[in-house]
Amino acid sequence: MKEKDRDNAKSVLVVEDDRDISEVVSFILENEGYHVQTNCDGHLFPEDWKDRPSLILLDIWILDVNGGDICDRFKHDPTLKDIPIIMMSANRDLSVIAYNCKADDFLSKPFDIQLLIDKVARLIA
């Protein structure tokens, strides 16, 4: 992505400890025109962000961190609650987990590429 295009792009933060999945998701979303940042350890400190993301794609388990807890914390923080969060997992209880932590949507792994694109576009629009 060109520098000037990056300035106008919506940004997505991908929080995923599986580097292959993180790279595939980044590639897909960058091809759709999004600026993608990644985080592989789940330790999210908004004060350290260079750019506030327009959306967060968050795995349920990132190393020793519970993504549901991260989502719940963000959704109860007045300064962060408006950032849409899509929970990702192969867990069969994903819809319940996403509902309980107030995620905006969820995406089951393995995921359909077009479904990923559609969900991100809908929540960032």
C-alpha atoms as a PDB file:
ATOM      1  CA  MET A   1       0.000   0.000   0.000  1.00  0.00           C
ATOM      2  CA  LYS A   2       1.322   3.421  -0.925  1.00  0.00           C
ATOM      3  CA  GLU A   3       2.037   5.898   1.880  1.00  0.00           C
ATOM      4  CA  LYS A   4      -0.672   8.375   0.823  1.00  0.00           C
ATOM      5  CA  ASP A   5      -3.217   5.552   0.499  1.00  0.00           C
ATOM      6  CA  ARG A   6      -2.270   4.326   3.970  1.00  0.00           C
ATOM      7  CA  ASP A   7      -3.107   7.732   5.452  1.00  0.00           C
ATOM      8  CA  ASN A   8      -6.665   7.441   4.103  1.00  0.00           C
ATOM      9  CA  ALA A   9      -7.123   3.732   4.840  1.00  0.00           C
ATOM     10  CA  LYS A  10      -9.154   2.323   7.675  1.00  0.00           C
ATOM     11  CA  SER A  11      -6.939   0.354  10.033  1.00  0.00           C
ATOM     12  CA  VAL A  12      -7.457  -3.154  11.378  1.00  0.00           C
ATOM     13  CA  LEU A  13      -5.583  -4.576  14.344  1.00  0.00           C
ATOM     14  CA  VAL A  14      -5.215  -8.368  14.032  1.00  0.00           C
ATOM     15  CA  VAL A  15      -4.555 -10.007  17.405  1.00  0.00           C
ATOM     16  CA  GLU A  16      -3.584 -13.584  16.604  1.00  0.00           C
ATOM     17  CA  ASP A  17      -0.731 -15.754  17.899  1.00  0.00           C
ATOM     18  CA  ASP A  18      -0.741 -18.096  14.892  1.00  0.00           C
ATOM     19  CA  ARG A  19       1.605 -16.278  12.517  1.00  0.00           C
ATOM     20  CA  ASP A  20       0.261 -18.098   9.448  1.00  0.00           C
ATOM     21  CA  ILE A  21      -3.306 -16.994  10.162  1.00  0.00           C
ATOM     22  CA  SER A  22      -2.130 -13.485  11.012  1.00  0.00           C
ATOM     23  CA  GLU A  23      -0.230 -13.227   7.723  1.00  0.00           C
ATOM     24  CA  VAL A  24      -3.141 -14.568   5.651  1.00  0.00           C
ATOM     25  CA  VAL A  25      -5.645 -12.206   7.284  1.00  0.00           C
ATOM     26  CA  SER A  26      -3.231  -9.276   6.858  1.00  0.00           C
ATOM     27  CA  PHE A  27      -2.692 -10.114   3.185  1.00  0.00           C
ATOM     28  CA  ILE A  28      -6.428 -10.387   2.508  1.00  0.00           C
ATOM     29  CA  LEU A  29      -7.287  -7.128   4.259  1.00  0.00           C
ATOM     30  CA  GLU A  30      -4.365  -5.174   2.789  1.00  0.00           C
ATOM     31  CA  ASN A  31      -5.554  -6.257  -0.667  1.00  0.00           C
ATOM     32  CA  GLU A  32      -8.939  -4.777   0.260  1.00  0.00           C
ATOM     33  CA  GLY A  33      -7.250  -1.429   1.031  1.00  0.00           C
ATOM     34  CA  TYR A  34      -7.008  -1.626   4.823  1.00  0.00           C
ATOM     35  CA  HIS A  35      -3.945  -0.697   6.838  1.00  0.00           C
ATOM     36  CA  VAL A  36      -3.227  -3.753   8.996  1.00  0.00           C
ATOM     37  CA  GLN A  37      -1.317  -3.903  12.271  1.00  0.00           C
ATOM     38  CA  THR A  38      -0.660  -7.194  14.049  1.00  0.00           C
ATOM     39  CA  ASN A  39      -0.186  -8.256  17.635  1.00  0.00           C
ATOM     40  CA  CYS A  40       0.940 -11.803  18.408  1.00  0.00           C
ATOM     41  CA  ASP A  41       0.922 -11.847  22.198  1.00  0.00           C
ATOM     42  CA  GLY A  42      -2.431 -10.360  23.187  1.00  0.00           C
ATOM     43  CA  HIS A  43      -0.938  -7.713  25.450  1.00  0.00           C
ATOM     44  CA  LEU A  44      -2.837  -4.685  24.187  1.00  0.00           C
ATOM     45  CA  PHE A  45      -2.027  -1.324  25.653  1.00  0.00           C
ATOM     46  CA  PRO A  46      -3.913   1.439  23.856  1.00  0.00           C
ATOM     47  CA  GLU A  47      -1.470   4.037  25.156  1.00  0.00           C
ATOM     48  CA  ASP A  48       1.248   2.293  23.104  1.00  0.00           C
ATOM     49  CA  TRP A  49      -0.712   2.336  19.820  1.00  0.00           C
ATOM     50  CA  LYS A  50       0.717   4.512  17.086  1.00  0.00           C
ATOM     51  CA  ASP A  51      -2.702   4.619  15.437  1.00  0.00           C
ATOM     52  CA  ARG A  52      -6.068   3.802  16.973  1.00  0.00           C
ATOM     53  CA  PRO A  53      -7.520   0.908  14.951  1.00  0.00           C
ATOM     54  CA  SER A  54     -10.850   1.229  13.184  1.00  0.00           C
ATOM     55  CA  LEU A  55     -11.560  -2.427  14.056  1.00  0.00           C
ATOM     56  CA  ILE A  56      -9.954  -5.268  16.030  1.00  0.00           C
ATOM     57  CA  LEU A  57      -9.916  -8.913  14.910  1.00  0.00           C
ATOM     58  CA  LEU A  58      -9.289 -10.786  18.146  1.00  0.00           C
ATOM     59  CA  ASP A  59      -8.533 -14.478  18.649  1.00  0.00           C
ATOM     60  CA  ILE A  60     -10.106 -16.043  21.739  1.00  0.00           C
ATOM     61  CA  TRP A  61      -6.827 -17.520  23.006  1.00  0.00           C
ATOM     62  CA  ILE A  62      -3.566 -15.682  22.390  1.00  0.00           C
ATOM     63  CA  LEU A  63      -0.752 -17.523  24.160  1.00  0.00           C
ATOM     64  CA  ASP A  64      -1.701 -17.131  27.840  1.00  0.00           C
ATOM     65  CA  VAL A  65      -4.191 -14.291  27.333  1.00  0.00           C
ATOM     66  CA  ASN A  66      -7.974 -14.700  27.113  1.00  0.00           C
ATOM     67  CA  GLY A  67      -9.295 -12.684  24.169  1.00  0.00           C
ATOM     68  CA  GLY A  68     -12.769 -12.670  25.712  1.00  0.00           C
ATOM     69  CA  ASP A  69     -11.367 -10.855  28.740  1.00  0.00           C
ATOM     70  CA  ILE A  70      -9.658  -8.318  26.471  1.00  0.00           C
ATOM     71  CA  CYS A  71     -12.881  -7.734  24.553  1.00  0.00           C
ATOM     72  CA  ASP A  72     -14.902  -7.360  27.752  1.00  0.00           C
ATOM     73  CA  ARG A  73     -12.374  -4.877  29.163  1.00  0.00           C
ATOM     74  CA  PHE A  74     -12.405  -2.801  25.969  1.00  0.00           C
ATOM     75  CA  LYS A  75     -16.209  -2.792  25.759  1.00  0.00           C
ATOM     76  CA  HIS A  76     -16.436  -1.451  29.339  1.00  0.00           C
ATOM     77  CA  ASP A  77     -13.842   1.296  28.732  1.00  0.00           C
ATOM     78  CA  PRO A  78     -15.559   4.539  27.650  1.00  0.00           C
ATOM     79  CA  THR A  79     -12.593   5.501  25.456  1.00  0.00           C
ATOM     80  CA  LEU A  80     -12.387   2.131  23.646  1.00  0.00           C
ATOM     81  CA  LYS A  81     -15.938   0.733  23.590  1.00  0.00           C
ATOM     82  CA  ASP A  82     -16.697   2.204  20.154  1.00  0.00           C
ATOM     83  CA  ILE A  83     -13.951   0.169  18.419  1.00  0.00           C
ATOM     84  CA  PRO A  84     -15.711  -2.767  16.729  1.00  0.00           C
ATOM     85  CA  ILE A  85     -14.314  -6.170  17.739  1.00  0.00           C
ATOM     86  CA  ILE A  86     -14.687  -9.400  15.781  1.00  0.00           C
ATOM     87  CA  MET A  87     -13.795 -12.481  17.826  1.00  0.00           C
ATOM     88  CA  MET A  88     -12.120 -15.354  15.940  1.00  0.00           C
ATOM     89  CA  SER A  89     -11.799 -18.977  16.982  1.00  0.00           C
ATOM     90  CA  ALA A  90     -12.331 -22.600  16.110  1.00  0.00           C
ATOM     91  CA  ASN A  91     -14.107 -22.985  19.481  1.00  0.00           C
ATOM     92  CA  ARG A  92     -17.619 -24.360  18.961  1.00  0.00           C
ATOM     93  CA  ASP A  93     -18.935 -22.001  21.665  1.00  0.00           C
ATOM     94  CA  LEU A  94     -17.638 -18.934  19.826  1.00  0.00           C
ATOM     95  CA  SER A  95     -21.054 -17.306  19.424  1.00  0.00           C
ATOM     96  CA  VAL A  96     -21.761 -17.563  23.162  1.00  0.00           C
ATOM     97  CA  ILE A  97     -18.295 -16.297  24.094  1.00  0.00           C
ATOM     98  CA  ALA A  98     -18.609 -13.380  21.654  1.00  0.00           C
ATOM     99  CA  TYR A  99     -22.044 -12.504  23.017  1.00  0.00           C
ATOM    100  CA  ASN A 100     -20.890 -12.654  26.655  1.00  0.00           C
ATOM    101  CA  CYS A 101     -17.918 -10.331  26.102  1.00  0.00           C
ATOM    102  CA  LYS A 102     -20.023  -7.959  23.966  1.00  0.00           C
ATOM    103  CA  ALA A 103     -18.056  -8.485  20.737  1.00  0.00           C
ATOM    104  CA  ASP A 104     -19.613  -6.859  17.700  1.00  0.00           C
ATOM    105  CA  ASP A 105     -19.368 -10.051  15.649  1.00  0.00           C
ATOM    106  CA  PHE A 106     -17.516 -13.358  15.419  1.00  0.00           C
ATOM    107  CA  LEU A 107     -15.763 -15.403  12.752  1.00  0.00           C
ATOM    108  CA  SER A 108     -15.311 -19.158  13.004  1.00  0.00           C
ATOM    109  CA  LYS A 109     -12.025 -20.733  11.937  1.00  0.00           C
ATOM    110  CA  PRO A 110     -11.441 -21.930   9.357  1.00  0.00           C
ATOM    111  CA  PHE A 111     -13.121 -18.914   7.831  1.00  0.00           C
ATOM    112  CA  ASP A 112     -14.461 -18.031   4.425  1.00  0.00           C
ATOM    113  CA  ILE A 113     -12.391 -15.207   2.896  1.00  0.00           C
ATOM    114  CA  GLN A 114     -15.409 -13.342   1.531  1.00  0.00           C
ATOM    115  CA  LEU A 115     -17.159 -13.591   4.898  1.00  0.00           C
ATOM    116  CA  LEU A 116     -14.098 -12.027   6.593  1.00  0.00           C
ATOM    117  CA  ILE A 117     -14.081  -9.190   4.042  1.00  0.00           C
ATOM    118  CA  ASP A 118     -17.836  -8.630   4.378  1.00  0.00           C
ATOM    119  CA  LYS A 119     -17.810  -8.567   8.193  1.00  0.00           C
ATOM    120  CA  VAL A 120     -14.891  -6.121   8.341  1.00  0.00           C
ATOM    121  CA  ALA A 121     -16.443  -3.846   5.714  1.00  0.00           C
ATOM    122  CA  ARG A 122     -19.821  -3.850   7.480  1.00  0.00           C
ATOM    123  CA  LEU A 123     -18.356  -2.876  10.854  1.00  0.00           C
ATOM    124  CA  ILE A 124     -15.930  -0.253   9.573  1.00  0.00           C
ATOM    125  CA  ALA A 125     -18.331   1.472   7.166  1.00  0.00           C
END
